[in-house]
């Protein structure tokens, strides 16, 4: 039976998770003390990752250079992302150093923002790297892995909300080709609403078909 792209992607991520729990990145060897950009992988998060992910989220929330806070993100959001299969762990040498969530874009599209039709889209949200590892290019590496995973899931584009106070995030997304479509205010905060097409441009109707 031929597997769908999503099924094939999840199978690959399952193999990745098994390899990382054994301490060996898929297709490579485990090397301790390597360069910060070596042995980086993305894997579907499991219940076993909950504590490590929360440690990264909490460290980011406490850091003065982020827009997160004690009220966001919450353990309830972590539980939801895990349960719905949206959450991915960013691994270095098999250890959790960050994460990203890739829920369906209808969560953001229902706000009516003027996104260009691109077929099925994914929302990129709660992307983070442990603060102790900042300024080593890991944010860009995580973003590239997330984009590749979204493409494997069949997404034609990615949509994001980036807090306008998050200057580092805005610079990262701009350098990666995310175009601002508008500014918006949600939950009392101000956001840059951005998009990036993952597939070659072609004609879609407004429903994305």
C-alpha atoms as a PDB file:
ATOM      1  CA  UNK A   1       0.000   0.000   0.000  1.00  0.00           C
ATOM      2  CA  UNK A   2       1.434   3.356  -0.993  1.00  0.00           C
ATOM      3  CA  UNK A   3       1.875   5.668   1.971  1.00  0.00           C
ATOM      4  CA  UNK A   4       0.877   9.299   1.877  1.00  0.00           C
ATOM      5  CA  UNK A   5       3.529  12.021   2.233  1.00  0.00           C
ATOM      6  CA  UNK A   6       2.363  12.645   5.798  1.00  0.00           C
ATOM      7  CA  UNK A   7       2.583   8.941   6.697  1.00  0.00           C
ATOM      8  CA  UNK A   8       6.056   8.679   5.177  1.00  0.00           C
ATOM      9  CA  UNK A   9       7.160  11.776   7.055  1.00  0.00           C
ATOM     10  CA  UNK A  10       5.862  10.458  10.374  1.00  0.00           C
ATOM     11  CA  UNK A  11       7.588   7.111   9.747  1.00  0.00           C
ATOM     12  CA  UNK A  12      10.871   8.906   9.161  1.00  0.00           C
ATOM     13  CA  UNK A  13      10.387  10.958  12.316  1.00  0.00           C
ATOM     14  CA  UNK A  14       9.709   7.776  14.286  1.00  0.00           C
ATOM     15  CA  UNK A  15      13.028   6.381  13.061  1.00  0.00           C
ATOM     16  CA  UNK A  16      14.676   9.677  13.978  1.00  0.00           C
ATOM     17  CA  UNK A  17      13.224   9.537  17.491  1.00  0.00           C
ATOM     18  CA  UNK A  18      14.416   5.959  17.953  1.00  0.00           C
ATOM     19  CA  UNK A  19      17.897   6.897  16.792  1.00  0.00           C
ATOM     20  CA  UNK A  20      18.132   9.944  19.026  1.00  0.00           C
ATOM     21  CA  UNK A  21      17.041   7.943  22.078  1.00  0.00           C
ATOM     22  CA  UNK A  22      19.899   5.567  21.277  1.00  0.00           C
ATOM     23  CA  UNK A  23      22.185   8.598  21.210  1.00  0.00           C
ATOM     24  CA  UNK A  24      22.933   8.475  17.490  1.00  0.00           C
ATOM     25  CA  UNK A  25      21.556  10.967  14.967  1.00  0.00           C
ATOM     26  CA  UNK A  26      20.045   9.216  11.900  1.00  0.00           C
ATOM     27  CA  UNK A  27      22.618   8.765   9.167  1.00  0.00           C
ATOM     28  CA  UNK A  28      25.471   9.831  11.422  1.00  0.00           C
ATOM     29  CA  UNK A  29      27.490   9.064  14.483  1.00  0.00           C
ATOM     30  CA  UNK A  30      27.285  10.440  17.984  1.00  0.00           C
ATOM     31  CA  UNK A  31      30.150  12.842  18.622  1.00  0.00           C
ATOM     32  CA  UNK A  32      30.481  14.586  21.941  1.00  0.00           C
ATOM     33  CA  UNK A  33      31.868  18.084  22.159  1.00  0.00           C
ATOM     34  CA  UNK A  34      31.278  18.813  18.503  1.00  0.00           C
ATOM     35  CA  UNK A  35      30.695  22.135  16.779  1.00  0.00           C
ATOM     36  CA  UNK A  36      27.322  23.744  17.692  1.00  0.00           C
ATOM     37  CA  UNK A  37      26.126  23.273  14.103  1.00  0.00           C
ATOM     38  CA  UNK A  38      26.884  19.530  13.964  1.00  0.00           C
ATOM     39  CA  UNK A  39      24.461  16.633  14.431  1.00  0.00           C
ATOM     40  CA  UNK A  40      21.269  18.683  14.344  1.00  0.00           C
ATOM     41  CA  UNK A  41      17.973  16.886  13.726  1.00  0.00           C
ATOM     42  CA  UNK A  42      14.242  17.414  14.102  1.00  0.00           C
ATOM     43  CA  UNK A  43      11.976  14.721  15.527  1.00  0.00           C
ATOM     44  CA  UNK A  44       8.320  14.420  16.412  1.00  0.00           C
ATOM     45  CA  UNK A  45       8.034  15.090  20.144  1.00  0.00           C
ATOM     46  CA  UNK A  46       6.875  12.320  22.467  1.00  0.00           C
ATOM     47  CA  UNK A  47       5.721  12.232  26.072  1.00  0.00           C
ATOM     48  CA  UNK A  48       9.305  11.396  27.023  1.00  0.00           C
ATOM     49  CA  UNK A  49      10.336  14.844  25.779  1.00  0.00           C
ATOM     50  CA  UNK A  50       7.813  16.821  27.837  1.00  0.00           C
ATOM     51  CA  UNK A  51      10.157  17.716  30.703  1.00  0.00           C
ATOM     52  CA  UNK A  52      13.041  18.716  28.423  1.00  0.00           C
ATOM     53  CA  UNK A  53      10.804  20.842  26.212  1.00  0.00           C
ATOM     54  CA  UNK A  54       9.280  22.586  29.202  1.00  0.00           C
ATOM     55  CA  UNK A  55      12.777  23.330  30.533  1.00  0.00           C
ATOM     56  CA  UNK A  56      13.632  25.096  27.254  1.00  0.00           C
ATOM     57  CA  UNK A  57      10.309  26.960  27.140  1.00  0.00           C
ATOM     58  CA  UNK A  58      10.681  28.066  30.762  1.00  0.00           C
ATOM     59  CA  UNK A  59      14.286  29.218  30.235  1.00  0.00           C
ATOM     60  CA  UNK A  60      13.176  31.278  27.238  1.00  0.00           C
ATOM     61  CA  UNK A  61      10.250  32.765  29.171  1.00  0.00           C
ATOM     62  CA  UNK A  62      12.564  33.872  31.967  1.00  0.00           C
ATOM     63  CA  UNK A  63      15.149  35.417  29.641  1.00  0.00           C
ATOM     64  CA  UNK A  64      14.911  39.233  29.376  1.00  0.00           C
ATOM     65  CA  UNK A  65      15.551  39.202  25.616  1.00  0.00           C
ATOM     66  CA  UNK A  66      12.417  37.235  24.720  1.00  0.00           C
ATOM     67  CA  UNK A  67       8.777  38.281  24.459  1.00  0.00           C
ATOM     68  CA  UNK A  68       7.644  35.185  26.327  1.00  0.00           C
ATOM     69  CA  UNK A  69       6.688  35.410  29.981  1.00  0.00           C
ATOM     70  CA  UNK A  70       5.464  33.266  32.839  1.00  0.00           C
ATOM     71  CA  UNK A  71       1.916  33.399  31.451  1.00  0.00           C
ATOM     72  CA  UNK A  72       2.997  32.174  27.991  1.00  0.00           C
ATOM     73  CA  UNK A  73       3.596  29.530  26.878  1.00  0.00           C
ATOM     74  CA  UNK A  74       1.744  27.332  29.342  1.00  0.00           C
ATOM     75  CA  UNK A  75       1.869  23.639  30.279  1.00  0.00           C
ATOM     76  CA  UNK A  76      -1.598  23.357  28.729  1.00  0.00           C
ATOM     77  CA  UNK A  77      -0.236  24.521  25.363  1.00  0.00           C
ATOM     78  CA  UNK A  78       2.590  22.009  25.617  1.00  0.00           C
ATOM     79  CA  UNK A  79       0.098  19.242  26.359  1.00  0.00           C
ATOM     80  CA  UNK A  80      -2.082  20.264  23.409  1.00  0.00           C
ATOM     81  CA  UNK A  81       0.836  20.424  20.982  1.00  0.00           C
ATOM     82  CA  UNK A  82       2.026  16.994  22.123  1.00  0.00           C
ATOM     83  CA  UNK A  83      -1.421  15.402  21.966  1.00  0.00           C
ATOM     84  CA  UNK A  84      -2.221  16.752  18.508  1.00  0.00           C
ATOM     85  CA  UNK A  85       1.150  15.811  17.019  1.00  0.00           C
ATOM     86  CA  UNK A  86       2.145  19.374  16.179  1.00  0.00           C
ATOM     87  CA  UNK A  87       5.259  19.577  18.343  1.00  0.00           C
ATOM     88  CA  UNK A  88       8.782  18.756  17.171  1.00  0.00           C
ATOM     89  CA  UNK A  89      11.988  18.636  19.175  1.00  0.00           C
ATOM     90  CA  UNK A  90      15.210  20.177  17.906  1.00  0.00           C
ATOM     91  CA  UNK A  91      18.076  17.876  18.802  1.00  0.00           C
ATOM     92  CA  UNK A  92      21.824  18.287  19.004  1.00  0.00           C
ATOM     93  CA  UNK A  93      23.664  15.014  19.476  1.00  0.00           C
ATOM     94  CA  UNK A  94      20.331  13.487  20.512  1.00  0.00           C
ATOM     95  CA  UNK A  95      19.653  16.073  23.217  1.00  0.00           C
ATOM     96  CA  UNK A  96      16.704  18.482  23.190  1.00  0.00           C
ATOM     97  CA  UNK A  97      17.978  22.032  22.624  1.00  0.00           C
ATOM     98  CA  UNK A  98      14.829  23.595  21.187  1.00  0.00           C
ATOM     99  CA  UNK A  99      11.430  22.968  19.669  1.00  0.00           C
ATOM    100  CA  UNK A 100       8.872  24.192  17.173  1.00  0.00           C
ATOM    101  CA  UNK A 101       5.145  23.637  16.683  1.00  0.00           C
ATOM    102  CA  UNK A 102       3.590  23.207  13.233  1.00  0.00           C
ATOM    103  CA  UNK A 103      -0.213  23.287  13.586  1.00  0.00           C
ATOM    104  CA  UNK A 104      -2.564  23.703  10.616  1.00  0.00           C
ATOM    105  CA  UNK A 105      -2.602  27.279   9.336  1.00  0.00           C
ATOM    106  CA  UNK A 106      -6.370  27.599   9.640  1.00  0.00           C
ATOM    107  CA  UNK A 107      -5.669  28.628  13.233  1.00  0.00           C
ATOM    108  CA  UNK A 108      -4.233  31.880  11.882  1.00  0.00           C
ATOM    109  CA  UNK A 109      -6.021  32.066   8.522  1.00  0.00           C
ATOM    110  CA  UNK A 110      -9.411  32.438  10.187  1.00  0.00           C
ATOM    111  CA  UNK A 111      -8.268  35.887  11.339  1.00  0.00           C
ATOM    112  CA  UNK A 112      -8.668  37.040   7.737  1.00  0.00           C
ATOM    113  CA  UNK A 113      -5.093  38.164   7.104  1.00  0.00           C
ATOM    114  CA  UNK A 114      -4.241  38.765   3.408  1.00  0.00           C
ATOM    115  CA  UNK A 115      -2.091  35.686   2.791  1.00  0.00           C
ATOM    116  CA  UNK A 116      -1.328  34.733  -0.802  1.00  0.00           C
ATOM    117  CA  UNK A 117      -3.024  31.431  -1.741  1.00  0.00           C
ATOM    118  CA  UNK A 118      -0.438  28.627  -1.656  1.00  0.00           C
ATOM    119  CA  UNK A 119      -2.467  25.476  -1.180  1.00  0.00           C
ATOM    120  CA  UNK A 120      -2.403  23.790   2.250  1.00  0.00           C
ATOM    121  CA  UNK A 121      -0.364  25.867   4.695  1.00  0.00           C
ATOM    122  CA  UNK A 122       1.153  25.307   8.119  1.00  0.00           C
ATOM    123  CA  UNK A 123       1.554  27.790  10.940  1.00  0.00           C
ATOM    124  CA  UNK A 124       5.049  28.014  12.398  1.00  0.00           C
ATOM    125  CA  UNK A 125       4.828  28.904  16.072  1.00  0.00           C
ATOM    126  CA  UNK A 126       6.602  28.553  19.434  1.00  0.00           C
ATOM    127  CA  UNK A 127       9.960  28.184  17.710  1.00  0.00           C
ATOM    128  CA  UNK A 128      12.721  28.378  20.295  1.00  0.00           C
ATOM    129  CA  UNK A 129      16.290  27.409  21.140  1.00  0.00           C
ATOM    130  CA  UNK A 130      17.710  27.156  24.658  1.00  0.00           C
ATOM    131  CA  UNK A 131      19.104  30.618  25.563  1.00  0.00           C
ATOM    132  CA  UNK A 132      22.491  29.147  26.506  1.00  0.00           C
ATOM    133  CA  UNK A 133      22.961  28.198  22.833  1.00  0.00           C
ATOM    134  CA  UNK A 134      21.914  31.479  21.230  1.00  0.00           C
ATOM    135  CA  UNK A 135      24.125  33.274  18.705  1.00  0.00           C
ATOM    136  CA  UNK A 136      25.533  30.087  17.213  1.00  0.00           C
ATOM    137  CA  UNK A 137      23.225  29.910  14.184  1.00  0.00           C
ATOM    138  CA  UNK A 138      20.953  27.297  15.719  1.00  0.00           C
ATOM    139  CA  UNK A 139      17.812  29.377  15.235  1.00  0.00           C
ATOM    140  CA  UNK A 140      18.382  29.442  11.493  1.00  0.00           C
ATOM    141  CA  UNK A 141      19.154  25.722  11.459  1.00  0.00           C
ATOM    142  CA  UNK A 142      15.932  24.964  13.337  1.00  0.00           C
ATOM    143  CA  UNK A 143      13.945  27.152  10.951  1.00  0.00           C
ATOM    144  CA  UNK A 144      15.338  25.299   7.915  1.00  0.00           C
ATOM    145  CA  UNK A 145      14.529  21.923   9.451  1.00  0.00           C
ATOM    146  CA  UNK A 146      11.005  23.101  10.291  1.00  0.00           C
ATOM    147  CA  UNK A 147      10.473  24.295   6.722  1.00  0.00           C
ATOM    148  CA  UNK A 148      11.657  20.952   5.368  1.00  0.00           C
ATOM    149  CA  UNK A 149       9.297  19.108   7.698  1.00  0.00           C
ATOM    150  CA  UNK A 150       6.362  21.324   6.705  1.00  0.00           C
ATOM    151  CA  UNK A 151       7.101  20.561   3.056  1.00  0.00           C
ATOM    152  CA  UNK A 152       7.151  16.811   3.816  1.00  0.00           C
ATOM    153  CA  UNK A 153       3.738  17.222   5.434  1.00  0.00           C
ATOM    154  CA  UNK A 154       2.465  18.625   2.147  1.00  0.00           C
ATOM    155  CA  UNK A 155       2.398  22.316   3.059  1.00  0.00           C
ATOM    156  CA  UNK A 156       2.619  24.820   0.237  1.00  0.00           C
ATOM    157  CA  UNK A 157       3.561  27.636   2.592  1.00  0.00           C
ATOM    158  CA  UNK A 158       4.228  28.724   6.141  1.00  0.00           C
ATOM    159  CA  UNK A 159       2.432  31.468   8.081  1.00  0.00           C
ATOM    160  CA  UNK A 160       3.764  33.125  11.220  1.00  0.00           C
ATOM    161  CA  UNK A 161       2.984  35.752  13.825  1.00  0.00           C
ATOM    162  CA  UNK A 162       6.123  37.439  15.173  1.00  0.00           C
ATOM    163  CA  UNK A 163       5.893  39.900  18.055  1.00  0.00           C
ATOM    164  CA  UNK A 164       7.110  43.273  16.782  1.00  0.00           C
ATOM    165  CA  UNK A 165       9.333  43.572  19.877  1.00  0.00           C
ATOM    166  CA  UNK A 166      11.181  40.412  18.836  1.00  0.00           C
ATOM    167  CA  UNK A 167      13.858  42.099  16.738  1.00  0.00           C
ATOM    168  CA  UNK A 168      16.035  38.990  16.517  1.00  0.00           C
ATOM    169  CA  UNK A 169      13.092  36.916  15.319  1.00  0.00           C
ATOM    170  CA  UNK A 170      12.051  39.536  12.764  1.00  0.00           C
ATOM    171  CA  UNK A 171      15.601  39.633  11.396  1.00  0.00           C
ATOM    172  CA  UNK A 172      15.753  35.830  11.204  1.00  0.00           C
ATOM    173  CA  UNK A 173      12.446  35.522   9.376  1.00  0.00           C
ATOM    174  CA  UNK A 174      13.264  38.371   6.989  1.00  0.00           C
ATOM    175  CA  UNK A 175      16.618  36.818   6.105  1.00  0.00           C
ATOM    176  CA  UNK A 176      14.874  33.478   5.472  1.00  0.00           C
ATOM    177  CA  UNK A 177      12.440  35.032   3.001  1.00  0.00           C
ATOM    178  CA  UNK A 178       9.315  35.540   5.105  1.00  0.00           C
ATOM    179  CA  UNK A 179       7.341  38.468   3.714  1.00  0.00           C
ATOM    180  CA  UNK A 180       5.201  40.682   5.926  1.00  0.00           C
ATOM    181  CA  UNK A 181       1.583  40.771   4.805  1.00  0.00           C
ATOM    182  CA  UNK A 182       0.250  43.052   7.551  1.00  0.00           C
ATOM    183  CA  UNK A 183       0.494  44.069  11.196  1.00  0.00           C
ATOM    184  CA  UNK A 184      -2.056  42.818  13.711  1.00  0.00           C
ATOM    185  CA  UNK A 185      -2.995  43.110  17.367  1.00  0.00           C
ATOM    186  CA  UNK A 186      -3.995  39.946  19.229  1.00  0.00           C
ATOM    187  CA  UNK A 187      -4.235  39.220  22.955  1.00  0.00           C
ATOM    188  CA  UNK A 188      -3.052  42.772  23.606  1.00  0.00           C
ATOM    189  CA  UNK A 189       0.241  42.309  21.714  1.00  0.00           C
ATOM    190  CA  UNK A 190       1.340  43.611  18.316  1.00  0.00           C
ATOM    191  CA  UNK A 191       2.521  41.202  15.630  1.00  0.00           C
ATOM    192  CA  UNK A 192       4.159  41.158  12.234  1.00  0.00           C
ATOM    193  CA  UNK A 193       2.115  38.684  10.161  1.00  0.00           C
ATOM    194  CA  UNK A 194       4.373  36.934   7.661  1.00  0.00           C
ATOM    195  CA  UNK A 195       4.321  34.195   5.053  1.00  0.00           C
ATOM    196  CA  UNK A 196       6.727  32.102   3.008  1.00  0.00           C
ATOM    197  CA  UNK A 197       5.871  29.962   0.000  1.00  0.00           C
ATOM    198  CA  UNK A 198       7.434  26.507   0.041  1.00  0.00           C
ATOM    199  CA  UNK A 199       6.350  25.418  -3.433  1.00  0.00           C
ATOM    200  CA  UNK A 200       6.959  27.095  -6.797  1.00  0.00           C
ATOM    201  CA  UNK A 201       4.464  29.852  -7.466  1.00  0.00           C
ATOM    202  CA  UNK A 202       1.410  28.736  -9.423  1.00  0.00           C
ATOM    203  CA  UNK A 203      -2.190  29.849  -9.688  1.00  0.00           C
ATOM    204  CA  UNK A 204      -4.431  29.000  -6.721  1.00  0.00           C
ATOM    205  CA  UNK A 205      -7.924  30.169  -6.010  1.00  0.00           C
ATOM    206  CA  UNK A 206      -8.698  31.797  -2.697  1.00  0.00           C
ATOM    207  CA  UNK A 207      -9.497  28.421  -1.170  1.00  0.00           C
ATOM    208  CA  UNK A 208      -5.934  27.350  -1.950  1.00  0.00           C
ATOM    209  CA  UNK A 209      -6.851  24.786  -4.660  1.00  0.00           C
END
